[in-house]
Amino acid sequence: MKISVINRQRKTSVNTVWLKEAAERLACEVSHNLAQRPASHLTASQVKGLAAAAELSVVLVSNQSIRKLNREWRGKDHATDVLSFPLSLEAPPAGLPFELGEIFISVEKAAEQADSFGHDLERELAFLFVHGTLHVLGFDHETPEEEREMFSRQKEILDSAGFKR
């Protein structure tokens, strides 16, 4: 999976080179996790296409920006940590980019959460990337069953990539 990282906030310093490399490693772990433990809503060809050709954008924003997005797209007038915007799980015809979606992460909120959980910003950004990626891939946590599946995958992926809590 090809990852692009765009930093649209200036309040908190983020090593975007590190984040891109970490996100690429985590995306490989997501693909591996899905191959090892298939999800009922994804076909084997979709999972294979993700690993081979999908592109995912990560946009780092401020609390103010994510609050505006959250209000516009979800009707919730507060800052959140991550918002995911899936585009398609189906690979386009050959020669066209396979744009999977966009993940917006509030770096301010990530820093607050890292402090409250007692780990560093990098670990929190890794968690939010995985959480956002799983949302792009159609996972959710609205029901207890969905939450168990999504959160267990998050833990497996983060642990296998070395981001243990």
C-alpha atoms as a PDB file:
ATOM      1  CA  MET A   1       0.000   0.000   0.000  1.00  0.00           C
ATOM      2  CA  LYS A   2       1.307   3.424  -0.907  1.00  0.00           C
ATOM      3  CA  ILE A   3       0.941   6.044   1.830  1.00  0.00           C
ATOM      4  CA  SER A   4       1.139   9.806   1.498  1.00  0.00           C
ATOM      5  CA  VAL A   5       1.394  12.088   4.525  1.00  0.00           C
ATOM      6  CA  ILE A   6       0.381  15.741   4.387  1.00  0.00           C
ATOM      7  CA  ASN A   7       0.969  17.972   7.401  1.00  0.00           C
ATOM      8  CA  ARG A   8      -1.592  20.811   7.491  1.00  0.00           C
ATOM      9  CA  GLN A   9      -1.015  21.803  11.105  1.00  0.00           C
ATOM     10  CA  ARG A  10       1.831  23.740  12.692  1.00  0.00           C
ATOM     11  CA  LYS A  11       1.185  23.482  16.444  1.00  0.00           C
ATOM     12  CA  THR A  12       2.996  20.200  17.078  1.00  0.00           C
ATOM     13  CA  SER A  13       6.188  19.000  15.448  1.00  0.00           C
ATOM     14  CA  VAL A  14       5.752  15.688  13.636  1.00  0.00           C
ATOM     15  CA  ASN A  15       8.444  13.754  11.805  1.00  0.00           C
ATOM     16  CA  THR A  16       6.454  13.083   8.632  1.00  0.00           C
ATOM     17  CA  VAL A  17       9.222  10.905   7.153  1.00  0.00           C
ATOM     18  CA  TRP A  18       9.002   8.642  10.208  1.00  0.00           C
ATOM     19  CA  LEU A  19       5.187   8.655  10.044  1.00  0.00           C
ATOM     20  CA  LYS A  20       5.162   7.688   6.349  1.00  0.00           C
ATOM     21  CA  GLU A  21       7.564   4.797   6.999  1.00  0.00           C
ATOM     22  CA  ALA A  22       5.625   3.658  10.077  1.00  0.00           C
ATOM     23  CA  ALA A  23       2.312   3.906   8.206  1.00  0.00           C
ATOM     24  CA  GLU A  24       3.691   1.833   5.324  1.00  0.00           C
ATOM     25  CA  ARG A  25       4.877  -0.827   7.795  1.00  0.00           C
ATOM     26  CA  LEU A  26       1.518  -0.761   9.569  1.00  0.00           C
ATOM     27  CA  ALA A  27      -0.353  -0.985   6.239  1.00  0.00           C
ATOM     28  CA  CYS A  28       1.616  -4.155   5.467  1.00  0.00           C
ATOM     29  CA  GLU A  29       0.578  -5.532   8.852  1.00  0.00           C
ATOM     30  CA  VAL A  30      -3.058  -4.647   8.126  1.00  0.00           C
ATOM     31  CA  SER A  31      -2.863  -6.577   4.837  1.00  0.00           C
ATOM     32  CA  HIS A  32      -1.158  -9.504   6.557  1.00  0.00           C
ATOM     33  CA  ASN A  33      -3.793  -9.510   9.306  1.00  0.00           C
ATOM     34  CA  LEU A  34      -6.612  -9.578   6.747  1.00  0.00           C
ATOM     35  CA  ALA A  35      -4.929 -12.387   4.812  1.00  0.00           C
ATOM     36  CA  GLN A  36      -4.451 -14.452   7.982  1.00  0.00           C
ATOM     37  CA  ARG A  37      -7.871 -13.700   9.442  1.00  0.00           C
ATOM     38  CA  PRO A  38     -10.279 -12.826   6.607  1.00  0.00           C
ATOM     39  CA  ALA A  39     -13.056 -10.345   7.270  1.00  0.00           C
ATOM     40  CA  SER A  40     -16.562 -11.332   6.207  1.00  0.00           C
ATOM     41  CA  HIS A  41     -17.127  -8.078   4.307  1.00  0.00           C
ATOM     42  CA  LEU A  42     -13.899  -8.214   2.253  1.00  0.00           C
ATOM     43  CA  THR A  43     -13.153 -10.650  -0.565  1.00  0.00           C
ATOM     44  CA  ALA A  44      -9.769 -12.288  -1.033  1.00  0.00           C
ATOM     45  CA  SER A  45      -9.254 -10.302  -4.253  1.00  0.00           C
ATOM     46  CA  GLN A  46      -9.985  -7.033  -2.444  1.00  0.00           C
ATOM     47  CA  VAL A  47      -7.414  -7.870   0.237  1.00  0.00           C
ATOM     48  CA  LYS A  48      -4.849  -8.816  -2.412  1.00  0.00           C
ATOM     49  CA  GLY A  49      -5.511  -5.570  -4.306  1.00  0.00           C
ATOM     50  CA  LEU A  50      -5.037  -3.501  -1.153  1.00  0.00           C
ATOM     51  CA  ALA A  51      -1.557  -4.824  -0.553  1.00  0.00           C
ATOM     52  CA  ALA A  52      -0.536  -4.567  -4.199  1.00  0.00           C
ATOM     53  CA  ALA A  53      -1.854  -1.252  -5.430  1.00  0.00           C
ATOM     54  CA  ALA A  54      -3.949   0.764  -2.966  1.00  0.00           C
ATOM     55  CA  GLU A  55      -3.085   4.343  -2.055  1.00  0.00           C
ATOM     56  CA  LEU A  56      -4.041   5.960   1.232  1.00  0.00           C
ATOM     57  CA  SER A  57      -3.628   9.597   2.259  1.00  0.00           C
ATOM     58  CA  VAL A  58      -2.958  10.686   5.835  1.00  0.00           C
ATOM     59  CA  VAL A  59      -3.651  14.342   6.564  1.00  0.00           C
ATOM     60  CA  LEU A  60      -2.419  15.828   9.844  1.00  0.00           C
ATOM     61  CA  VAL A  61      -4.626  18.668  11.061  1.00  0.00           C
ATOM     62  CA  SER A  62      -5.393  20.835  14.091  1.00  0.00           C
ATOM     63  CA  ASN A  63      -8.292  20.408  16.506  1.00  0.00           C
ATOM     64  CA  GLN A  64      -9.987  23.355  14.818  1.00  0.00           C
ATOM     65  CA  SER A  65      -9.796  21.722  11.387  1.00  0.00           C
ATOM     66  CA  ILE A  66     -10.957  18.287  12.517  1.00  0.00           C
ATOM     67  CA  ARG A  67     -13.794  19.864  14.485  1.00  0.00           C
ATOM     68  CA  LYS A  68     -14.980  21.567  11.309  1.00  0.00           C
ATOM     69  CA  LEU A  69     -14.790  18.274   9.356  1.00  0.00           C
ATOM     70  CA  ASN A  70     -16.556  16.399  12.154  1.00  0.00           C
ATOM     71  CA  ARG A  71     -19.345  18.997  12.181  1.00  0.00           C
ATOM     72  CA  GLU A  72     -19.722  18.991   8.371  1.00  0.00           C
ATOM     73  CA  TRP A  73     -19.569  15.235   7.786  1.00  0.00           C
ATOM     74  CA  ARG A  74     -20.899  13.703  11.001  1.00  0.00           C
ATOM     75  CA  GLY A  75     -22.982  16.494  12.538  1.00  0.00           C
ATOM     76  CA  LYS A  76     -20.859  16.411  15.707  1.00  0.00           C
ATOM     77  CA  ASP A  77     -19.535  19.796  16.810  1.00  0.00           C
ATOM     78  CA  HIS A  78     -16.363  18.789  18.646  1.00  0.00           C
ATOM     79  CA  ALA A  79     -12.781  17.896  17.874  1.00  0.00           C
ATOM     80  CA  THR A  80     -12.104  14.187  17.498  1.00  0.00           C
ATOM     81  CA  ASP A  81      -8.857  12.269  17.103  1.00  0.00           C
ATOM     82  CA  VAL A  82      -9.329  10.655  13.679  1.00  0.00           C
ATOM     83  CA  LEU A  83     -11.783  10.778  10.797  1.00  0.00           C
ATOM     84  CA  SER A  84     -11.760   8.332   7.917  1.00  0.00           C
ATOM     85  CA  PHE A  85     -13.151   8.879   4.449  1.00  0.00           C
ATOM     86  CA  PRO A  86     -13.260   5.689   2.389  1.00  0.00           C
ATOM     87  CA  LEU A  87     -13.345   6.055  -1.378  1.00  0.00           C
ATOM     88  CA  SER A  88     -13.517   2.513  -2.772  1.00  0.00           C
ATOM     89  CA  LEU A  89     -12.551  -1.052  -1.924  1.00  0.00           C
ATOM     90  CA  GLU A  90     -12.711  -2.038  -5.588  1.00  0.00           C
ATOM     91  CA  ALA A  91      -9.561  -1.675  -7.662  1.00  0.00           C
ATOM     92  CA  PRO A  92     -10.115   0.489 -10.757  1.00  0.00           C
ATOM     93  CA  PRO A  93      -9.172  -0.573 -14.284  1.00  0.00           C
ATOM     94  CA  ALA A  94      -5.457  -1.076 -14.930  1.00  0.00           C
ATOM     95  CA  GLY A  95      -3.484   2.140 -15.194  1.00  0.00           C
ATOM     96  CA  LEU A  96      -5.680   4.170 -12.855  1.00  0.00           C
ATOM     97  CA  PRO A  97      -4.691   4.873  -9.251  1.00  0.00           C
ATOM     98  CA  PHE A  98      -6.414   2.781  -6.585  1.00  0.00           C
ATOM     99  CA  GLU A  99      -7.331   5.524  -4.129  1.00  0.00           C
ATOM    100  CA  LEU A 100      -8.576   3.745  -1.036  1.00  0.00           C
ATOM    101  CA  GLY A 101      -9.376   6.830   1.041  1.00  0.00           C
ATOM    102  CA  GLU A 102      -8.182   9.572   3.364  1.00  0.00           C
ATOM    103  CA  ILE A 103      -7.495   9.598   7.067  1.00  0.00           C
ATOM    104  CA  PHE A 104      -7.483  12.906   8.961  1.00  0.00           C
ATOM    105  CA  ILE A 105      -5.662  12.907  12.301  1.00  0.00           C
ATOM    106  CA  SER A 106      -5.747  15.747  14.810  1.00  0.00           C
ATOM    107  CA  VAL A 107      -2.177  15.986  16.042  1.00  0.00           C
ATOM    108  CA  GLU A 108      -3.303  18.128  18.981  1.00  0.00           C
ATOM    109  CA  LYS A 109      -5.797  15.462  20.074  1.00  0.00           C
ATOM    110  CA  ALA A 110      -3.201  12.722  19.479  1.00  0.00           C
ATOM    111  CA  ALA A 111      -0.717  14.545  21.728  1.00  0.00           C
ATOM    112  CA  GLU A 112      -3.371  14.979  24.457  1.00  0.00           C
ATOM    113  CA  GLN A 113      -4.255  11.285  24.285  1.00  0.00           C
ATOM    114  CA  ALA A 114      -0.608  10.187  24.280  1.00  0.00           C
ATOM    115  CA  ASP A 115      -0.096  12.166  27.511  1.00  0.00           C
ATOM    116  CA  SER A 116      -3.198  10.722  29.146  1.00  0.00           C
ATOM    117  CA  PHE A 117      -2.309   7.121  28.147  1.00  0.00           C
ATOM    118  CA  GLY A 118       1.332   7.539  29.181  1.00  0.00           C
ATOM    119  CA  HIS A 119       2.965   6.791  25.845  1.00  0.00           C
ATOM    120  CA  ASP A 120       4.660   8.866  23.163  1.00  0.00           C
ATOM    121  CA  LEU A 121       3.115  10.714  20.246  1.00  0.00           C
ATOM    122  CA  GLU A 122       4.508   8.214  17.741  1.00  0.00           C
ATOM    123  CA  ARG A 123       2.644   5.320  19.383  1.00  0.00           C
ATOM    124  CA  GLU A 124      -0.586   7.335  19.395  1.00  0.00           C
ATOM    125  CA  LEU A 125      -0.185   8.318  15.722  1.00  0.00           C
ATOM    126  CA  ALA A 126       0.446   4.650  14.863  1.00  0.00           C
ATOM    127  CA  PHE A 127      -2.725   3.660  16.730  1.00  0.00           C
ATOM    128  CA  LEU A 128      -4.796   6.361  15.013  1.00  0.00           C
ATOM    129  CA  PHE A 129      -3.438   5.354  11.606  1.00  0.00           C
ATOM    130  CA  VAL A 130      -4.441   1.713  12.157  1.00  0.00           C
ATOM    131  CA  HIS A 131      -7.830   2.718  13.591  1.00  0.00           C
ATOM    132  CA  GLY A 132      -8.485   5.025  10.639  1.00  0.00           C
ATOM    133  CA  THR A 133      -7.313   2.445   8.106  1.00  0.00           C
ATOM    134  CA  LEU A 134      -9.640  -0.185   9.525  1.00  0.00           C
ATOM    135  CA  HIS A 135     -12.523   2.305   9.253  1.00  0.00           C
ATOM    136  CA  VAL A 136     -11.585   2.966   5.608  1.00  0.00           C
ATOM    137  CA  LEU A 137     -11.694  -0.797   5.078  1.00  0.00           C
ATOM    138  CA  GLY A 138     -15.238  -1.002   6.415  1.00  0.00           C
ATOM    139  CA  PHE A 139     -14.662  -1.973  10.040  1.00  0.00           C
ATOM    140  CA  ASP A 140     -16.626  -0.239  12.767  1.00  0.00           C
ATOM    141  CA  HIS A 141     -17.259  -0.396  16.497  1.00  0.00           C
ATOM    142  CA  GLU A 142     -20.934   0.474  16.813  1.00  0.00           C
ATOM    143  CA  THR A 143     -21.943  -2.891  18.306  1.00  0.00           C
ATOM    144  CA  PRO A 144     -20.113  -4.969  20.937  1.00  0.00           C
ATOM    145  CA  GLU A 145     -19.319  -7.632  18.306  1.00  0.00           C
ATOM    146  CA  GLU A 146     -17.928  -5.059  15.841  1.00  0.00           C
ATOM    147  CA  GLU A 147     -15.910  -3.449  18.621  1.00  0.00           C
ATOM    148  CA  ARG A 148     -14.381  -6.780  19.675  1.00  0.00           C
ATOM    149  CA  GLU A 149     -13.336  -7.582  16.115  1.00  0.00           C
ATOM    150  CA  MET A 150     -11.966  -4.141  15.276  1.00  0.00           C
ATOM    151  CA  PHE A 151     -10.140  -3.625  18.559  1.00  0.00           C
ATOM    152  CA  SER A 152      -8.613  -7.112  18.537  1.00  0.00           C
ATOM    153  CA  ARG A 153      -7.318  -6.497  15.000  1.00  0.00           C
ATOM    154  CA  GLN A 154      -5.888  -3.124  16.075  1.00  0.00           C
ATOM    155  CA  LYS A 155      -4.001  -4.748  18.929  1.00  0.00           C
ATOM    156  CA  GLU A 156      -2.690  -7.583  16.750  1.00  0.00           C
ATOM    157  CA  ILE A 157      -1.526  -5.167  14.051  1.00  0.00           C
ATOM    158  CA  LEU A 158       0.127  -2.712  16.442  1.00  0.00           C
ATOM    159  CA  ASP A 159       1.805  -5.494  18.444  1.00  0.00           C
ATOM    160  CA  SER A 160       3.156  -7.189  15.320  1.00  0.00           C
ATOM    161  CA  ALA A 161       4.596  -3.876  14.122  1.00  0.00           C
ATOM    162  CA  GLY A 162       6.286  -3.252  17.482  1.00  0.00           C
ATOM    163  CA  PHE A 163       3.869  -0.650  18.862  1.00  0.00           C
ATOM    164  CA  LYS A 164       2.936  -2.506  22.012  1.00  0.00           C
ATOM    165  CA  ARG A 165       1.343  -0.723  24.918  1.00  0.00           C
END
